[in-house]
PDB file of N, CA and C in Angstrom:
ATOM      1  N   MET A   1     100.009  -1.023  55.446  1.00  0.00           N
ATOM      2  CA  MET A   1     100.720  -1.375  56.495  1.00  0.00           C
ATOM      3  C   MET A   1      99.943  -0.114  56.791  1.00  0.00           C
ATOM      4  N   ASP A   2      99.967  -0.024  58.045  1.00  0.00           N
ATOM      5  CA  ASP A   2      98.812   1.185  59.272  1.00  0.00           C
ATOM      6  C   ASP A   2     100.023   2.418  58.868  1.00  0.00           C
ATOM      7  N   GLN A   3      99.659   3.040  58.995  1.00  0.00           N
ATOM      8  CA  GLN A   3      99.964   4.673  59.247  1.00  0.00           C
ATOM      9  C   GLN A   3     100.369   4.642  60.889  1.00  0.00           C
ATOM     10  N   ILE A   4     101.192   5.349  61.015  1.00  0.00           N
ATOM     11  CA  ILE A   4     101.557   5.881  62.582  1.00  0.00           C
ATOM     12  C   ILE A   4     100.241   6.366  63.266  1.00  0.00           C
ATOM     13  N   TRP A   5     100.056   7.381  62.212  1.00  0.00           N
ATOM     14  CA  TRP A   5      99.020   8.308  63.251  1.00  0.00           C
ATOM     15  C   TRP A   5      97.876   7.244  63.483  1.00  0.00           C
ATOM     16  N   SER A   6      97.518   6.249  62.484  1.00  0.00           N
ATOM     17  CA  SER A   6      96.249   5.656  62.705  1.00  0.00           C
ATOM     18  C   SER A   6      96.199   4.372  64.086  1.00  0.00           C
ATOM     19  N   THR A   7      97.590   4.237  64.896  1.00  0.00           N
ATOM     20  CA  THR A   7      97.924   3.540  65.760  1.00  0.00           C
ATOM     21  C   THR A   7      97.615   4.252  66.942  1.00  0.00           C
ATOM     22  N   TRP A   8      96.486   3.721  68.128  1.00  0.00           N
ATOM     23  CA  TRP A   8      96.151   4.405  69.445  1.00  0.00           C
ATOM     24  C   TRP A   8      96.999   4.441  70.340  1.00  0.00           C
ATOM     25  N   TRP A   9      98.595   3.774  69.820  1.00  0.00           N
ATOM     26  CA  TRP A   9      99.636   3.561  71.065  1.00  0.00           C
ATOM     27  C   TRP A   9     100.736   4.716  70.868  1.00  0.00           C
ATOM     28  N   ALA A  10     100.813   5.053  69.626  1.00  0.00           N
ATOM     29  CA  ALA A  10     101.117   5.993  69.318  1.00  0.00           C
ATOM     30  C   ALA A  10     100.673   7.811  69.679  1.00  0.00           C
ATOM     31  N   TRP A  11      99.803   7.680  69.983  1.00  0.00           N
ATOM     32  CA  TRP A  11      98.941   8.850  70.424  1.00  0.00           C
ATOM     33  C   TRP A  11      99.600   9.029  71.799  1.00  0.00           C
ATOM     34  N   ILE A  12      98.951   7.460  72.723  1.00  0.00           N
ATOM     35  CA  ILE A  12      99.639   7.434  74.075  1.00  0.00           C
ATOM     36  C   ILE A  12     100.929   8.003  74.383  1.00  0.00           C
ATOM     37  N   VAL A  13     101.804   7.438  73.729  1.00  0.00           N
ATOM     38  CA  VAL A  13     103.029   7.809  73.876  1.00  0.00           C
ATOM     39  C   VAL A  13     103.496   8.831  73.342  1.00  0.00           C
ATOM     40  N   LEU A  14     102.709   9.653  73.182  1.00  0.00           N
ATOM     41  CA  LEU A  14     103.130  11.360  71.834  1.00  0.00           C
ATOM     42  C   LEU A  14     102.191  11.703  73.360  1.00  0.00           C
ATOM     43  N   GLY A  15     101.166  11.901  73.999  1.00  0.00           N
ATOM     44  CA  GLY A  15     101.025  12.477  75.639  1.00  0.00           C
ATOM     45  C   GLY A  15     101.726  12.040  76.546  1.00  0.00           C
ATOM     46  N   LEU A  16     102.064  11.065  76.625  1.00  0.00           N
ATOM     47  CA  LEU A  16     102.837  10.540  78.000  1.00  0.00           C
ATOM     48  C   LEU A  16     104.523  11.658  77.384  1.00  0.00           C
ATOM     49  N   ALA A  17     104.722  11.398  77.112  1.00  0.00           N
ATOM     50  CA  ALA A  17     106.150  12.372  76.190  1.00  0.00           C
ATOM     51  C   ALA A  17     105.936  13.621  76.088  1.00  0.00           C
ATOM     52  N   LEU A  18     104.636  14.505  76.004  1.00  0.00           N
ATOM     53  CA  LEU A  18     104.494  15.480  76.245  1.00  0.00           C
ATOM     54  C   LEU A  18     104.288  16.508  77.821  1.00  0.00           C
ATOM     55  N   GLY A  19     103.449  15.246  78.497  1.00  0.00           N
ATOM     56  CA  GLY A  19     103.662  15.030  80.086  1.00  0.00           C
ATOM     57  C   GLY A  19     104.878  15.264  80.546  1.00  0.00           C
ATOM     58  N   ILE A  20     105.659  14.638  80.071  1.00  0.00           N
ATOM     59  CA  ILE A  20     107.104  14.598  80.554  1.00  0.00           C
ATOM     60  C   ILE A  20     107.832  15.851  80.168  1.00  0.00           C
ATOM     61  N   ILE A  21     107.414  16.350  79.315  1.00  0.00           N
ATOM     62  CA  ILE A  21     108.014  17.553  79.082  1.00  0.00           C
ATOM     63  C   ILE A  21     107.294  18.809  80.435  1.00  0.00           C
ATOM     64  N   GLU A  22     106.138  18.426  80.144  1.00  0.00           N
ATOM     65  CA  GLU A  22     105.598  19.819  80.747  1.00  0.00           C
ATOM     66  C   GLU A  22     106.139  19.648  82.343  1.00  0.00           C
ATOM     67  N   VAL A  23     106.558  18.247  83.347  1.00  0.00           N
ATOM     68  CA  VAL A  23     107.016  18.561  84.012  1.00  0.00           C
ATOM     69  C   VAL A  23     108.274  19.162  84.406  1.00  0.00           C
ATOM     70  N   ILE A  24     109.101  18.950  82.787  1.00  0.00           N
ATOM     71  CA  ILE A  24     110.724  19.364  82.779  1.00  0.00           C
ATOM     72  C   ILE A  24     110.703  21.036  82.425  1.00  0.00           C
ATOM     73  N   VAL A  25     109.129  20.649  81.718  1.00  0.00           N
ATOM     74  CA  VAL A  25     109.269  22.875  81.447  1.00  0.00           C
ATOM     75  C   VAL A  25     107.991  22.802  82.316  1.00  0.00           C
ATOM     76  N   PRO A  26     107.722  23.261  83.536  1.00  0.00           N
ATOM     77  CA  PRO A  26     105.891  23.588  83.884  1.00  0.00           C
ATOM     78  C   PRO A  26     106.001  24.917  83.782  1.00  0.00           C
ATOM     79  N   GLY A  27     104.831  25.186  83.791  1.00  0.00           N
ATOM     80  CA  GLY A  27     104.143  26.628  82.862  1.00  0.00           C
ATOM     81  C   GLY A  27     102.515  26.717  83.019  1.00  0.00           C
ATOM     82  N   TYR A  28     101.888  24.779  82.770  1.00  0.00           N
ATOM     83  CA  TYR A  28     100.846  24.322  81.886  1.00  0.00           C
ATOM     84  C   TYR A  28     100.691  24.929  80.376  1.00  0.00           C
ATOM     85  N   ILE A  29     101.786  24.655  79.606  1.00  0.00           N
ATOM     86  CA  ILE A  29     101.679  24.913  77.971  1.00  0.00           C
ATOM     87  C   ILE A  29     101.543  23.543  77.521  1.00  0.00           C
ATOM     88  N   PHE A  30     102.198  22.772  78.018  1.00  0.00           N
ATOM     89  CA  PHE A  30     102.299  21.480  77.595  1.00  0.00           C
ATOM     90  C   PHE A  30     100.733  20.042  77.545  1.00  0.00           C
ATOM     91  N   VAL A  31     100.581  20.872  78.743  1.00  0.00           N
ATOM     92  CA  VAL A  31      99.609  20.226  79.528  1.00  0.00           C
ATOM     93  C   VAL A  31      98.824  19.441  78.568  1.00  0.00           C
ATOM     94  N   GLY A  32      97.962  20.674  78.263  1.00  0.00           N
ATOM     95  CA  GLY A  32      97.217  20.626  77.098  1.00  0.00           C
ATOM     96  C   GLY A  32      97.108  19.442  75.983  1.00  0.00           C
ATOM     97  N   PHE A  33      98.239  19.695  75.728  1.00  0.00           N
ATOM     98  CA  PHE A  33      97.817  18.832  74.514  1.00  0.00           C
ATOM     99  C   PHE A  33      98.657  17.455  74.552  1.00  0.00           C
ATOM    100  N   ALA A  34      99.186  17.024  76.124  1.00  0.00           N
ATOM    101  CA  ALA A  34      99.197  16.040  76.428  1.00  0.00           C
ATOM    102  C   ALA A  34      98.016  15.202  76.554  1.00  0.00           C
ATOM    103  N   VAL A  35      97.238  16.265  77.133  1.00  0.00           N
ATOM    104  CA  VAL A  35      95.369  15.522  77.517  1.00  0.00           C
ATOM    105  C   VAL A  35      95.258  15.589  76.457  1.00  0.00           C
ATOM    106  N   GLY A  36      95.569  16.002  75.297  1.00  0.00           N
ATOM    107  CA  GLY A  36      94.633  15.742  73.782  1.00  0.00           C
ATOM    108  C   GLY A  36      94.909  15.199  72.891  1.00  0.00           C
ATOM    109  N   ALA A  37      96.354  14.638  72.820  1.00  0.00           N
ATOM    110  CA  ALA A  37      96.575  13.592  72.371  1.00  0.00           C
ATOM    111  C   ALA A  37      96.831  11.725  72.963  1.00  0.00           C
ATOM    112  N   ALA A  38      95.835  12.396  74.009  1.00  0.00           N
ATOM    113  CA  ALA A  38      95.763  11.080  75.132  1.00  0.00           C
ATOM    114  C   ALA A  38      94.797  10.596  74.763  1.00  0.00           C
ATOM    115  N   LEU A  39      93.696  11.537  74.682  1.00  0.00           N
ATOM    116  CA  LEU A  39      92.224  11.328  74.495  1.00  0.00           C
ATOM    117  C   LEU A  39      91.968  10.982  72.841  1.00  0.00           C
ATOM    118  N   THR A  40      93.032  12.056  72.025  1.00  0.00           N
ATOM    119  CA  THR A  40      93.318  11.295  70.444  1.00  0.00           C
ATOM    120  C   THR A  40      93.299   9.878  70.237  1.00  0.00           C
ATOM    121  N   GLY A  41      94.350   8.862  71.407  1.00  0.00           N
ATOM    122  CA  GLY A  41      94.629   7.790  70.840  1.00  0.00           C
ATOM    123  C   GLY A  41      93.176   7.285  71.773  1.00  0.00           C
ATOM    124  N   LEU A  42      92.741   7.430  73.067  1.00  0.00           N
ATOM    125  CA  LEU A  42      91.263   6.613  73.206  1.00  0.00           C
ATOM    126  C   LEU A  42      90.512   6.641  72.054  1.00  0.00           C
ATOM    127  N   LEU A  43      90.337   8.020  71.608  1.00  0.00           N
ATOM    128  CA  LEU A  43      89.630   7.948  70.387  1.00  0.00           C
ATOM    129  C   LEU A  43      89.345   7.250  69.150  1.00  0.00           C
ATOM    130  N   VAL A  44      91.199   6.286  68.799  1.00  0.00           N
ATOM    131  CA  VAL A  44      91.258   6.400  67.581  1.00  0.00           C
ATOM    132  C   VAL A  44      91.419   4.258  68.199  1.00  0.00           C
ATOM    133  N   LEU A  45      91.261   4.066  69.442  1.00  0.00           N
ATOM    134  CA  LEU A  45      91.559   2.549  70.263  1.00  0.00           C
ATOM    135  C   LEU A  45      89.936   2.602  69.972  1.00  0.00           C
ATOM    136  N   VAL A  46      89.239   3.549  70.592  1.00  0.00           N
ATOM    137  CA  VAL A  46      87.572   3.298  69.866  1.00  0.00           C
ATOM    138  C   VAL A  46      87.348   2.387  68.804  1.00  0.00           C
ATOM    139  N   GLY A  47      87.873   3.529  67.998  1.00  0.00           N
ATOM    140  CA  GLY A  47      87.497   3.020  66.176  1.00  0.00           C
ATOM    141  C   GLY A  47      87.143   3.753  65.863  1.00  0.00           C
ATOM    142  N   ILE A  48      87.346   5.172  65.866  1.00  0.00           N
ATOM    143  CA  ILE A  48      86.431   6.482  65.121  1.00  0.00           C
ATOM    144  C   ILE A  48      87.488   6.164  63.523  1.00  0.00           C
ATOM    145  N   PRO A  49      86.861   6.404  62.481  1.00  0.00           N
ATOM    146  CA  PRO A  49      87.915   6.552  61.493  1.00  0.00           C
ATOM    147  C   PRO A  49      87.843   7.429  60.872  1.00  0.00           C
ATOM    148  N   ALA A  50      89.376   8.133  61.510  1.00  0.00           N
ATOM    149  CA  ALA A  50      89.877   9.238  60.683  1.00  0.00           C
ATOM    150  C   ALA A  50      90.908   8.633  59.807  1.00  0.00           C
ATOM    151  N   GLY A  51      91.439  10.012  59.189  1.00  0.00           N
ATOM    152  CA  GLY A  51      92.880  10.140  58.729  1.00  0.00           C
ATOM    153  C   GLY A  51      93.376  11.326  58.978  1.00  0.00           C
ATOM    154  N   LEU A  52      94.778  11.370  58.471  1.00  0.00           N
ATOM    155  CA  LEU A  52      95.695  12.532  58.986  1.00  0.00           C
ATOM    156  C   LEU A  52      94.922  13.715  59.481  1.00  0.00           C
ATOM    157  N   PRO A  53      94.270  13.863  58.759  1.00  0.00           N
ATOM    158  CA  PRO A  53      93.659  15.793  59.009  1.00  0.00           C
ATOM    159  C   PRO A  53      92.528  15.928  59.706  1.00  0.00           C
ATOM    160  N   LEU A  54      91.505  15.061  59.813  1.00  0.00           N
ATOM    161  CA  LEU A  54      90.821  14.610  61.000  1.00  0.00           C
ATOM    162  C   LEU A  54      91.426  14.588  62.114  1.00  0.00           C
ATOM    163  N   LEU A  55      91.809  13.647  62.319  1.00  0.00           N
ATOM    164  CA  LEU A  55      93.011  13.546  63.716  1.00  0.00           C
ATOM    165  C   LEU A  55      93.615  14.432  64.174  1.00  0.00           C
ATOM    166  N   LEU A  56      94.234  15.309  62.913  1.00  0.00           N
ATOM    167  CA  LEU A  56      95.443  16.298  63.583  1.00  0.00           C
ATOM    168  C   LEU A  56      93.950  17.856  64.107  1.00  0.00           C
ATOM    169  N   ALA A  57      92.556  17.506  63.474  1.00  0.00           N
ATOM    170  CA  ALA A  57      91.527  18.447  63.760  1.00  0.00           C
ATOM    171  C   ALA A  57      91.373  18.337  65.598  1.00  0.00           C
ATOM    172  N   ILE A  58      90.937  16.701  66.003  1.00  0.00           N
ATOM    173  CA  ILE A  58      90.626  16.527  66.957  1.00  0.00           C
ATOM    174  C   ILE A  58      91.782  16.765  67.964  1.00  0.00           C
ATOM    175  N   PHE A  59      92.651  16.382  67.441  1.00  0.00           N
ATOM    176  CA  PHE A  59      93.536  16.953  68.807  1.00  0.00           C
ATOM    177  C   PHE A  59      93.908  18.238  69.153  1.00  0.00           C
ATOM    178  N   ALA A  60      93.709  19.195  67.743  1.00  0.00           N
ATOM    179  CA  ALA A  60      93.572  20.800  67.965  1.00  0.00           C
ATOM    180  C   ALA A  60      92.604  20.547  68.734  1.00  0.00           C
ATOM    181  N   VAL A  61      91.369  20.345  68.993  1.00  0.00           N
ATOM    182  CA  VAL A  61      90.183  20.824  68.981  1.00  0.00           C
ATOM    183  C   VAL A  61      89.862  19.870  70.387  1.00  0.00           C
ATOM    184  N   LEU A  62      90.888  19.079  71.201  1.00  0.00           N
ATOM    185  CA  LEU A  62      90.813  18.423  72.185  1.00  0.00           C
ATOM    186  C   LEU A  62      91.952  19.066  72.861  1.00  0.00           C
ATOM    187  N   SER A  63      92.779  19.335  72.524  1.00  0.00           N
ATOM    188  CA  SER A  63      94.234  20.389  73.302  1.00  0.00           C
ATOM    189  C   SER A  63      93.553  21.737  73.823  1.00  0.00           C
ATOM    190  N   LEU A  64      93.410  21.988  72.706  1.00  0.00           N
ATOM    191  CA  LEU A  64      92.420  23.111  73.386  1.00  0.00           C
ATOM    192  C   LEU A  64      91.694  23.784  74.795  1.00  0.00           C
ATOM    193  N   ILE A  65      90.627  22.680  74.093  1.00  0.00           N
ATOM    194  CA  ILE A  65      89.722  22.455  75.494  1.00  0.00           C
ATOM    195  C   ILE A  65      89.752  22.143  76.216  1.00  0.00           C
ATOM    196  N   SER A  66      91.003  21.329  76.775  1.00  0.00           N
ATOM    197  CA  SER A  66      91.575  20.600  77.612  1.00  0.00           C
ATOM    198  C   SER A  66      92.224  21.847  78.595  1.00  0.00           C
ATOM    199  N   TRP A  67      93.392  22.105  77.618  1.00  0.00           N
ATOM    200  CA  TRP A  67      93.996  23.210  78.394  1.00  0.00           C
ATOM    201  C   TRP A  67      93.152  24.396  78.918  1.00  0.00           C
ATOM    202  N   LEU A  68      91.827  24.488  78.316  1.00  0.00           N
ATOM    203  CA  LEU A  68      90.669  25.440  78.771  1.00  0.00           C
ATOM    204  C   LEU A  68      90.091  25.544  80.311  1.00  0.00           C
ATOM    205  N   VAL A  69      89.854  23.535  79.780  1.00  0.00           N
ATOM    206  CA  VAL A  69      89.201  23.040  81.686  1.00  0.00           C
ATOM    207  C   VAL A  69      90.021  23.139  82.426  1.00  0.00           C
ATOM    208  N   ILE A  70      91.615  22.498  82.207  1.00  0.00           N
ATOM    209  CA  ILE A  70      93.349  22.810  82.936  1.00  0.00           C
ATOM    210  C   ILE A  70      92.697  24.167  83.847  1.00  0.00           C
ATOM    211  N   ARG A  71      93.071  24.705  82.947  1.00  0.00           N
ATOM    212  CA  ARG A  71      93.295  26.471  83.293  1.00  0.00           C
ATOM    213  C   ARG A  71      92.190  26.977  84.170  1.00  0.00           C
ATOM    214  N   ARG A  72      91.217  26.608  83.782  1.00  0.00           N
ATOM    215  CA  ARG A  72      89.313  27.476  84.681  1.00  0.00           C
ATOM    216  C   ARG A  72      90.159  26.683  86.116  1.00  0.00           C
ATOM    217  N   LEU A  73      90.535  25.271  85.765  1.00  0.00           N
ATOM    218  CA  LEU A  73      90.566  25.076  87.159  1.00  0.00           C
ATOM    219  C   LEU A  73      91.180  25.006  88.298  1.00  0.00           C
ATOM    220  N   LEU A  74      92.361  25.217  87.599  1.00  0.00           N
ATOM    221  CA  LEU A  74      94.053  26.149  88.439  1.00  0.00           C
ATOM    222  C   LEU A  74      94.408  27.627  88.589  1.00  0.00           C
ATOM    223  N   GLY A  75      93.539  27.692  87.562  1.00  0.00           N
ATOM    224  CA  GLY A  75      93.275  29.457  87.688  1.00  0.00           C
ATOM    225  C   GLY A  75      95.118  29.748  87.685  1.00  0.00           C
ATOM    226  N   THR A  76      94.843  30.920  88.208  1.00  0.00           N
ATOM    227  CA  THR A  76      96.234  31.891  88.255  1.00  0.00           C
ATOM    228  C   THR A  76      97.037  31.368  88.664  1.00  0.00           C
ATOM    229  N   ARG A  77      98.099  31.555  89.031  1.00  0.00           N
ATOM    230  CA  ARG A  77      99.223  31.037  90.067  1.00  0.00           C
ATOM    231  C   ARG A  77      99.403  32.708  91.141  1.00  0.00           C
ATOM    232  N   GLU A  78      99.294  31.846  92.204  1.00  0.00           N
ATOM    233  CA  GLU A  78      99.036  33.521  93.189  1.00  0.00           C
ATOM    234  C   GLU A  78     100.253  34.488  93.018  1.00  0.00           C
ATOM    235  N   GLY A  79     100.302  36.072  92.397  1.00  0.00           N
ATOM    236  CA  GLY A  79     101.658  36.417  92.481  1.00  0.00           C
ATOM    237  C   GLY A  79     101.650  36.569  90.716  1.00  0.00           C
ATOM    238  N   GLN A  80     100.941  35.721  90.229  1.00  0.00           N
ATOM    239  CA  GLN A  80     101.446  35.772  88.327  1.00  0.00           C
ATOM    240  C   GLN A  80     101.518  36.820  87.623  1.00  0.00           C
ATOM    241  N   VAL A  81      99.931  37.847  88.271  1.00  0.00           N
ATOM    242  CA  VAL A  81      99.503  39.593  87.658  1.00  0.00           C
ATOM    243  C   VAL A  81      99.901  40.188  88.704  1.00  0.00           C
ATOM    244  N   LYS A  82     100.462  41.108  88.806  1.00  0.00           N
ATOM    245  CA  LYS A  82     100.523  42.292  89.260  1.00  0.00           C
ATOM    246  C   LYS A  82      99.486  42.881  88.924  1.00  0.00           C
ATOM    247  N   VAL A  83      98.196  43.408  89.615  1.00  0.00           N
ATOM    248  CA  VAL A  83      96.970  44.746  89.373  1.00  0.00           C
ATOM    249  C   VAL A  83      97.540  45.677  90.179  1.00  0.00           C
ATOM    250  N   TRP A  84      97.893  47.180  90.051  1.00  0.00           N
ATOM    251  CA  TRP A  84      97.844  48.010  90.878  1.00  0.00           C
ATOM    252  C   TRP A  84      96.407  48.862  90.590  1.00  0.00           C
ATOM    253  N   ASP A  85      96.256  48.772  91.525  1.00  0.00           N
ATOM    254  CA  ASP A  85      94.212  49.716  91.594  1.00  0.00           C
ATOM    255  C   ASP A  85      94.620  50.722  92.248  1.00  0.00           C
ATOM    256  N   ARG A  86      96.449  50.973  92.884  1.00  0.00           N
ATOM    257  CA  ARG A  86      96.647  52.878  93.378  1.00  0.00           C
ATOM    258  C   ARG A  86      97.731  53.033  92.908  1.00  0.00           C
ATOM    259  N   ASP A  87      97.527  54.546  92.692  1.00  0.00           N
ATOM    260  CA  ASP A  87      99.263  55.034  92.222  1.00  0.00           C
ATOM    261  C   ASP A  87     100.001  55.552  93.731  1.00  0.00           C
ATOM    262  N   ILE A  88     101.139  55.245  93.800  1.00  0.00           N
ATOM    263  CA  ILE A  88     101.595  55.777  94.769  1.00  0.00           C
ATOM    264  C   ILE A  88     101.817  57.588  94.884  1.00  0.00           C
ATOM    265  N   ASN A  89     101.590  58.136  94.139  1.00  0.00           N
ATOM    266  CA  ASN A  89     102.134  59.481  93.509  1.00  0.00           C
ATOM    267  C   ASN A  89     100.550  60.135  94.356  1.00  0.00           C
ATOM    268  N   GLU A  90      99.525  58.831  94.845  1.00  0.00           N
ATOM    269  CA  GLU A  90      98.365  59.686  94.837  1.00  0.00           C
ATOM    270  C   GLU A  90      98.317  59.878  96.494  1.00  0.00           C
ATOM    271  N   ASN A  91      97.204  61.240  97.113  1.00  0.00           N
ATOM    272  CA  ASN A  91      97.214  61.318  98.180  1.00  0.00           C
ATOM    273  C   ASN A  91      96.183  60.180  99.247  1.00  0.00           C
ATOM    274  N   PRO A  92      96.605  59.931  99.345  1.00  0.00           N
ATOM    275  CA  PRO A  92      95.640  59.127 100.555  1.00  0.00           C
ATOM    276  C   PRO A  92      94.305  59.172 100.919  1.00  0.00           C
TER     277      PRO A  92
END
């Protein structure tokens, strides 16, 4: 009997579940994990021969890369970080 981690649709379902969690809890936190899980599912579908440790490593790397790409494309939200460039006590 195949293990659940070697089933491609399980990874896709995990990606969808993480995507739904991202919609409920916004903040671009779970979106990288969702894309990483979906890409891992596609790799398993293609037929990559890997056990659980390698699949988890692939999932982690793909999640990090996708999170960095999405963060780079979307950037920081307007008003997310306030940078003070002058002190209010300084003379103009």
